[in-house]
Each structure stands twice: as structure tokens, then as C-alpha cells.
Protein backbone atom coordinates (compact mmCIF):
# COMPACT_ATOMS: atom_id res chain seq x y z
CA MET A 1 175.06 32.77 41.47
CA TYR A 2 173.56 29.69 43.13
CA PRO A 3 173.11 30.54 46.83
CA LEU A 4 171.68 27.08 47.59
CA THR A 5 173.33 23.70 47.93
CA LEU A 6 171.44 20.42 47.80
CA THR A 7 173.03 17.55 49.70
CA VAL A 8 171.63 14.02 49.57
CA VAL A 9 172.44 11.86 52.59
CA ALA A 10 171.79 8.30 51.43
CA GLY A 11 171.49 5.39 53.82
CA ASN A 12 169.67 2.54 52.16
CA ALA A 13 168.40 4.20 48.98
CA GLU A 14 167.97 1.82 46.08
CA GLY A 15 170.71 2.31 43.48
CA LEU A 16 172.74 4.75 45.58
CA ALA A 17 175.53 3.71 47.94
CA ALA A 18 175.45 5.07 51.48
CA GLY A 19 177.10 8.47 51.60
CA ALA A 20 176.69 12.22 51.37
CA TYR A 21 176.35 13.60 47.84
CA ARG A 22 176.43 17.18 46.63
CA TYR A 23 174.15 18.02 43.70
CA ASP A 24 175.95 19.61 40.73
CA ALA A 25 173.25 21.68 39.00
CA GLU A 26 175.33 22.37 35.89
CA ARG A 27 175.92 18.68 35.14
CA HIS A 28 172.74 17.39 36.87
CA VAL A 29 174.69 14.76 38.82
CA LEU A 30 175.29 13.78 42.42
CA ALA A 31 178.96 13.84 43.42
CA LEU A 32 180.06 11.80 46.43
CA VAL A 33 181.60 14.01 49.13
CA ALA A 34 181.68 11.54 52.04
CA ASP A 35 181.07 7.82 51.98
CA GLY A 36 179.24 5.91 54.69
CA ASP A 37 175.88 6.31 56.41
CA HIS A 38 175.48 9.79 57.94
CA ARG A 39 171.75 9.71 58.74
CA ASP A 40 172.33 9.33 62.51
CA ARG A 41 174.70 12.29 62.49
CA VAL A 42 172.07 14.45 60.77
CA ALA A 43 169.36 13.26 63.20
CA ARG A 44 171.50 14.31 66.18
CA THR A 45 171.67 17.90 64.85
CA THR A 46 167.90 18.43 64.95
CA LEU A 47 166.10 20.26 67.74
CA ALA A 48 163.96 17.25 68.61
CA ASP A 49 164.65 13.54 68.49
CA HIS A 50 163.33 12.57 65.10
CA ASP A 51 163.96 8.84 64.97
CA TRP A 52 162.49 8.65 61.46
CA LEU A 53 165.53 10.53 60.11
CA ARG A 54 167.75 7.62 61.12
CA HIS A 55 165.58 5.18 59.14
CA ALA A 56 164.71 7.20 56.01
CA ALA A 57 166.18 5.80 52.79
CA ALA A 58 167.70 9.22 52.05
CA LEU A 59 167.58 12.77 53.38
CA LEU A 60 167.55 15.92 51.24
CA LEU A 61 169.37 18.80 52.91
CA LEU A 62 169.00 22.29 51.50
CA SER A 63 171.54 24.85 52.69
CA GLY A 64 172.22 28.46 51.81
CA ASP A 65 175.49 30.36 51.53
CA MET A 66 174.55 33.50 53.45
CA GLY A 67 178.04 35.02 53.26
CA THR A 68 178.34 34.84 49.48
CA ALA A 69 174.81 36.13 48.96
CA THR A 70 175.35 39.02 51.40
CA ARG A 71 178.58 40.05 49.66
CA HIS A 72 177.00 39.73 46.21
CA PHE A 73 174.15 42.11 47.07
CA ALA A 74 176.06 44.33 49.54
CA ASP A 75 175.49 47.52 47.53
CA GLN A 76 171.70 47.09 47.42
CA PRO A 77 169.39 48.29 50.20
CA PRO A 78 168.65 47.32 52.82
CA GLN A 79 172.40 47.13 53.46
CA GLY A 80 173.56 43.68 54.50
CA ARG A 81 170.13 42.07 54.40
CA ARG A 82 169.12 41.70 50.75
CA GLY A 83 171.39 38.70 50.11
CA ARG A 84 170.05 36.84 53.14
CA ARG A 85 166.49 37.52 51.96
CA TYR A 86 167.28 36.06 48.53
CA VAL A 87 168.69 32.92 50.13
CA TRP A 88 165.56 32.43 52.23
CA LEU A 89 163.28 33.09 49.24
CA SER A 90 165.30 30.74 47.01
CA ASP A 91 165.32 28.08 49.73
CA HIS A 92 161.54 28.25 50.13
CA GLU A 93 160.87 28.18 46.39
CA LYS A 94 163.31 25.32 45.76
CA ALA A 95 161.84 23.22 48.56
CA ARG A 96 158.31 23.84 47.28
CA SER A 97 159.12 22.99 43.67
CA ASP A 98 161.22 19.91 44.49
CA THR A 99 158.50 18.36 46.60
CA SER A 100 155.99 18.80 43.78
CA ARG A 101 157.98 16.65 41.34
CA ARG A 102 160.05 13.51 41.52
CA LEU A 103 163.81 14.14 41.55
CA ARG A 104 165.99 12.00 39.30
CA PHE A 105 169.75 12.31 39.53
CA HIS A 106 172.74 10.59 38.01
CA HIS A 107 175.59 9.88 40.37
CA ASN A 108 179.27 9.59 39.63
């Protein structure tokens, strides 16, 4: 089970057309899910006006599937909370490890 999804929102990244890409961990590729520049849309969802998001070459978005993780670990105590904890722990660990090394992806 992979409770995390990595989405790359490219704007003016060298070698990558503007668009939103989902990372496929099994094939180690980025798959286009929406073309066009979505950086402004992401910036508008933040709690503060972070103008730098609109101008970054690309944004890395890490999201967790709380529902799937909760169902997967439903029979383990504490009831209904273990899956959510795993998502948060995985999210933290993934973010820490990805920032400590350079990411290289192939896109299709």
C-alpha cells in the first residue's frame, strides 16, 4: 500500500512541459494528468499569499489517502486512527528524504 501521492506541478521547469504530473513509483515516471500551468491555482489554495509559488519552476505536492489507510488498518488499535498516523509518518519521512537528495524522473 502506498498511502502517499506525489504530484509535480510544472510551470517553467526545464525539460518538462507545463502541467500537473502524478509520480508512478512502480515505473519511476511522471504521468501527465492535466496540461497547462496550474501554479497560480495551487498558490490560491494556501493559507497566506505566497507569491513565490506562482513563480517557482515547479511545485512538489505530497498528499495522503486517509480513507484508504484508515480502512487498511481499521482492525488495529487505536480504532480508526492508526491509518491516519501512518499517512502522517510516511508524509514526514518522504518529505525529509526527498529534500535530502535530488529527484530525477522520466516523463511520458
